Protein backbone atom coordinates (compact mmCIF):
# COMPACT_ATOMS: atom_id res chain seq x y z
CA LYS A 1 -25.40 98.94 -7.82
CA CYS A 2 -24.38 96.08 -5.51
CA ARG A 3 -27.25 93.89 -6.70
CA GLN A 4 -26.33 94.16 -10.37
CA SER A 5 -22.53 94.26 -10.08
CA GLY A 6 -21.97 91.73 -7.31
CA LEU A 7 -20.04 94.27 -5.25
CA ALA A 8 -20.00 93.68 -1.49
CA PRO A 9 -18.75 96.73 0.47
CA ALA A 10 -16.58 95.92 3.46
CA ALA A 11 -17.96 98.76 5.60
CA ILE A 12 -20.69 101.41 5.66
CA VAL A 13 -19.79 105.04 6.36
CA ILE A 14 -22.70 107.33 7.20
CA VAL A 15 -21.78 110.94 6.43
CA ALA A 16 -23.40 113.38 8.85
CA THR A 17 -23.19 117.14 9.18
CA VAL A 18 -23.91 119.39 12.13
CA ARG A 19 -25.95 121.62 9.81
CA ALA A 20 -28.26 118.78 8.75
CA LEU A 21 -28.68 117.59 12.33
CA LYS A 22 -29.67 121.09 13.43
CA MET A 23 -32.17 121.26 10.58
CA HIS A 24 -33.69 117.99 11.77
CA GLY A 25 -33.66 119.50 15.26
CA GLY A 26 -35.99 122.24 14.07
CA VAL A 27 -33.57 125.07 13.26
CA ALA A 28 -34.40 127.34 10.31
CA LEU A 29 -31.99 127.19 7.39
CA THR A 30 -31.00 130.81 7.99
CA GLU A 31 -29.91 130.01 11.57
CA LEU A 32 -27.78 126.91 10.97
CA THR A 33 -24.46 128.64 11.58
CA LYS A 34 -25.37 129.61 15.17
CA ASP A 35 -24.05 127.46 17.99
CA ASP A 36 -26.94 125.25 19.17
CA VAL A 37 -25.98 121.99 20.84
CA ALA A 38 -29.57 121.32 21.94
CA ALA A 39 -30.75 121.37 18.32
CA VAL A 40 -27.96 119.00 17.31
CA GLU A 41 -29.03 116.60 20.05
CA ARG A 42 -32.67 116.78 18.92
CA GLY A 43 -31.59 116.03 15.36
CA LEU A 44 -29.60 112.96 16.36
CA GLU A 45 -32.80 110.90 16.12
CA ASN A 46 -32.44 111.18 12.36
CA LEU A 47 -28.87 109.89 12.46
CA ALA A 48 -30.01 107.04 14.72
CA ALA A 49 -32.55 106.00 12.08
CA HIS A 50 -29.86 105.83 9.41
CA LEU A 51 -27.61 103.80 11.69
CA ASP A 52 -30.43 101.35 12.38
CA SER A 53 -31.07 100.81 8.67
CA ALA A 54 -27.34 100.44 7.91
CA ARG A 55 -26.86 97.77 10.58
CA GLN A 56 -29.22 95.44 8.70
CA PHE A 57 -26.54 94.71 6.10
CA GLY A 58 -24.09 92.97 8.40
CA ARG A 59 -21.23 95.42 7.88
CA PRO A 60 -19.19 97.56 10.26
CA VAL A 61 -20.93 100.96 10.44
CA LEU A 62 -19.06 104.22 11.05
CA VAL A 63 -20.00 107.89 11.11
CA ALA A 64 -17.99 110.55 9.28
CA ILE A 65 -18.83 114.07 10.48
CA ASN A 66 -18.23 116.30 7.48
CA ARG A 67 -17.06 119.52 9.12
CA PHE A 68 -18.01 122.97 7.86
CA HIS A 69 -16.02 126.04 8.92
CA THR A 70 -19.17 127.35 10.65
CA ASP A 71 -19.48 124.28 12.91
CA HIS A 72 -18.67 124.70 16.60
CA ASP A 73 -16.51 122.39 18.68
CA ASP A 74 -19.24 121.71 21.25
CA GLU A 75 -21.63 120.70 18.46
CA MET A 76 -19.07 118.33 16.97
CA ALA A 77 -18.43 116.86 20.42
CA ALA A 78 -22.15 116.20 20.88
CA VAL A 79 -22.22 114.05 17.72
CA HIS A 80 -19.12 112.12 18.78
CA ARG A 81 -20.64 111.52 22.24
CA PHE A 82 -23.81 110.15 20.69
CA CYS A 83 -21.91 107.79 18.40
CA ALA A 84 -19.85 106.51 21.33
CA SER A 85 -23.03 105.96 23.37
CA VAL A 86 -24.48 103.66 20.69
CA GLY A 87 -21.20 101.86 20.04
CA VAL A 88 -20.52 103.32 16.59
CA PRO A 89 -17.02 104.60 15.72
CA SER A 90 -16.94 108.20 14.49
CA ALA A 91 -14.35 110.55 13.05
CA THR A 92 -14.29 114.16 11.92
CA ALA A 93 -13.68 114.66 8.20
CA ASP A 94 -12.28 118.18 7.82
CA VAL A 95 -11.29 117.70 4.20
CA PHE A 96 -12.53 121.08 3.02
CA GLY A 97 -10.49 122.93 5.63
CA LYS A 98 -7.38 120.73 5.81
CA GLY A 99 -7.31 118.70 2.60
CA GLY A 100 -6.09 115.12 2.84
CA ASP A 101 -4.76 115.65 6.38
CA GLY A 102 -8.33 116.28 7.49
CA ALA A 103 -9.35 112.74 6.52
CA ILE A 104 -6.58 110.77 8.22
CA ASP A 105 -8.61 110.01 11.36
CA LEU A 106 -11.53 108.81 9.26
CA ALA A 107 -9.30 106.64 7.08
CA ASN A 108 -7.74 105.03 10.14
CA ALA A 109 -11.18 104.40 11.65
CA VAL A 110 -12.39 102.69 8.46
CA VAL A 111 -9.28 100.53 8.18
CA GLY A 112 -9.60 99.56 11.83
CA ALA A 113 -13.25 98.58 11.45
CA VAL A 114 -12.99 96.44 8.33
CA ALA A 115 -12.93 92.70 8.93
CA SER A 116 -10.40 90.42 7.22
CA GLU A 117 -13.17 88.79 5.16
CA THR A 118 -16.27 90.38 3.68
CA PRO A 119 -19.38 88.16 3.74
CA ALA A 120 -21.98 88.17 1.01
CA LEU A 121 -24.21 91.24 1.05
CA PRO A 122 -27.81 90.56 2.13
CA GLN A 123 -30.49 92.21 0.00
CA LEU A 124 -33.74 93.79 1.18
CA TYR A 125 -35.75 91.82 -1.35
CA SER A 126 -35.48 89.29 -4.14
CA ASP A 127 -35.76 90.23 -7.82
CA THR A 128 -38.65 87.78 -8.06
CA ASP A 129 -40.67 89.42 -5.27
CA PRO A 130 -43.82 91.30 -6.29
CA VAL A 131 -43.22 95.02 -6.76
CA GLU A 132 -45.37 95.95 -3.75
CA THR A 133 -43.34 93.55 -1.58
CA LYS A 134 -40.16 95.30 -2.71
CA LEU A 135 -41.64 98.71 -1.98
CA ASN A 136 -42.80 97.68 1.47
CA ALA A 137 -39.36 96.26 2.30
CA ILE A 138 -37.74 99.59 1.48
CA ALA A 139 -40.38 101.67 3.24
CA THR A 140 -40.48 99.67 6.47
CA ARG A 141 -36.85 98.61 6.87
CA ILE A 142 -35.09 101.73 5.56
CA TYR A 143 -37.51 104.62 6.13
CA GLY A 144 -39.30 103.26 9.20
CA ALA A 145 -42.74 103.61 7.62
CA ARG A 146 -45.80 101.48 8.31
CA GLY A 147 -45.93 100.54 4.66
CA VAL A 148 -46.67 101.75 1.13
CA VAL A 149 -49.87 103.07 -0.41
CA LEU A 150 -50.30 103.12 -4.20
CA THR A 151 -52.63 105.63 -5.82
CA ALA A 152 -55.07 104.41 -8.47
CA GLU A 153 -52.87 105.96 -11.15
CA ALA A 154 -49.79 104.19 -9.79
CA LYS A 155 -51.59 100.84 -9.71
CA GLU A 156 -52.69 101.25 -13.32
CA ARG A 157 -49.18 102.18 -14.46
CA LEU A 158 -47.65 99.30 -12.49
CA THR A 159 -50.05 96.84 -14.13
CA ASP A 160 -48.88 98.01 -17.55
CA PHE A 161 -45.21 97.74 -16.61
CA GLU A 162 -45.61 94.30 -15.08
CA ARG A 163 -47.43 93.11 -18.17
CA ALA A 164 -44.43 94.32 -20.22
CA GLY A 165 -42.05 92.29 -18.04
CA PHE A 166 -40.58 95.10 -15.92
CA GLY A 167 -41.76 93.74 -12.57
CA ARG A 168 -38.45 91.96 -11.93
CA LEU A 169 -36.44 95.19 -11.99
CA PRO A 170 -35.02 96.55 -8.72
CA ILE A 171 -36.67 99.64 -7.28
CA CYS A 172 -35.36 103.21 -7.34
CA MET A 173 -37.32 105.42 -4.92
CA ALA A 174 -37.74 109.03 -6.05
CA LYS A 175 -38.35 110.76 -2.72
CA THR A 176 -37.54 114.00 -0.93
CA GLN A 177 -34.07 114.09 0.64
CA ASN A 178 -35.33 116.26 3.51
CA SER A 179 -37.24 113.56 5.36
CA LEU A 180 -37.34 109.82 5.93
CA SER A 181 -40.98 110.13 4.89
CA ASP A 182 -42.31 111.44 1.58
CA ASP A 183 -43.25 114.74 3.28
CA PRO A 184 -40.29 117.17 3.41
CA ALA A 185 -41.81 118.90 6.45
CA LYS A 186 -41.55 115.75 8.62
CA LEU A 187 -38.07 116.16 10.03
CA GLY A 188 -36.17 114.11 12.59
CA ARG A 189 -37.42 110.54 12.84
CA PRO A 190 -41.07 110.50 11.83
CA ARG A 191 -43.21 107.58 12.96
CA ASP A 192 -46.61 106.11 12.06
CA PHE A 193 -46.54 107.23 8.45
CA ASP A 194 -47.06 105.63 5.06
CA ILE A 195 -45.13 106.21 1.84
CA THR A 196 -47.49 107.07 -1.02
CA VAL A 197 -46.40 106.08 -4.53
CA ARG A 198 -48.18 108.32 -7.04
CA ASP A 199 -46.69 106.94 -10.27
CA PHE A 200 -43.97 104.75 -11.79
CA GLU A 201 -41.40 105.29 -14.50
CA ILE A 202 -38.95 102.94 -16.21
CA ALA A 203 -35.23 103.68 -16.33
CA ASN A 204 -34.60 100.75 -18.64
CA GLY A 205 -30.99 101.60 -19.50
CA ALA A 206 -30.03 101.75 -15.83
CA GLY A 207 -32.28 98.81 -15.07
CA PHE A 208 -34.65 100.34 -12.49
CA LEU A 209 -38.34 100.62 -11.89
CA VAL A 210 -38.67 104.15 -10.48
CA ALA A 211 -41.35 104.74 -7.83
CA LEU A 212 -42.36 108.41 -7.69
CA THR A 213 -43.37 109.71 -4.25
CA GLY A 214 -44.45 113.22 -3.32
CA LYS A 215 -43.45 116.34 -5.21
CA MET A 216 -39.79 117.18 -5.67
CA LEU A 217 -37.29 118.77 -8.03
CA ARG A 218 -35.83 115.73 -9.74
CA MET A 219 -32.97 117.43 -11.57
CA PRO A 220 -30.03 116.70 -9.24
CA ALA A 221 -27.38 118.97 -7.76
CA LEU A 222 -28.92 122.31 -8.71
CA PRO A 223 -29.68 124.70 -5.83
CA LYS A 224 -32.46 127.27 -5.99
CA VAL A 225 -29.82 130.02 -6.19
CA PRO A 226 -26.80 128.94 -8.30
CA ALA A 227 -23.38 129.62 -6.78
CA ALA A 228 -22.49 131.51 -9.96
CA GLU A 229 -24.73 134.38 -8.85
CA ARG A 230 -22.37 135.07 -5.93
CA ILE A 231 -19.13 134.97 -7.93
CA GLU A 232 -17.62 138.27 -9.05
CA VAL A 233 -14.41 139.32 -10.84
CA ASP A 234 -13.28 142.92 -10.38
CA ASP A 235 -11.30 145.04 -12.87
CA ALA A 236 -8.03 143.87 -11.31
CA GLY A 237 -8.93 140.23 -11.85
CA ASN A 238 -9.66 139.47 -8.19
CA ILE A 239 -12.26 136.75 -7.76
CA SER A 240 -14.70 136.83 -4.86
CA GLY A 241 -17.72 134.82 -3.81
CA ILE A 242 -16.17 131.37 -4.14
């Protein structure tokens, strides 16, 4: 988006949740509402990885902790302590519970962090770089991988696309959201891993070369159990399950 539009954000806000940190700390999805500061602290390695990648772009970096009603004060405090220890401003965003008032602290933190002038945004790679160079830049500098491995099928498809002139397109990585790696079971901050690209696709309208990694549901925003299954309306018109 920034590469093609020329936009240069003035700050980077990493949105974290206690639930996700506990998941990365090894807590089962069914247990995420239970108070577990130790699990939050274990999961902070994942947040640290995102902060490290964000710092590469020469922008102020902040953390917004998106609060759920099931989060506990001691868990929230643990995240704020960690951010303070690494010199990153943080603020609780309790927008769901308090509406706009719940975002005032975050808004003030962002305004306070933004510099008077925004420098040009550095890019991870050049459009003219070979595709494998682009992939390795993303894998090593953003995910923390050793590098990228292309399957035979991916190499064959890439050859066809490069021959057709698509090699100059920026890369869109299709990868699991559950891990920095391409293995959804590798939580936290995995190390000593490679990203395997199994195939490529062209999103020519959007202007991307899409690198497919691992197996994932690629239709966005649809949970395994739709929220509609929990919503009921009784004979009196009372709605529940929302």
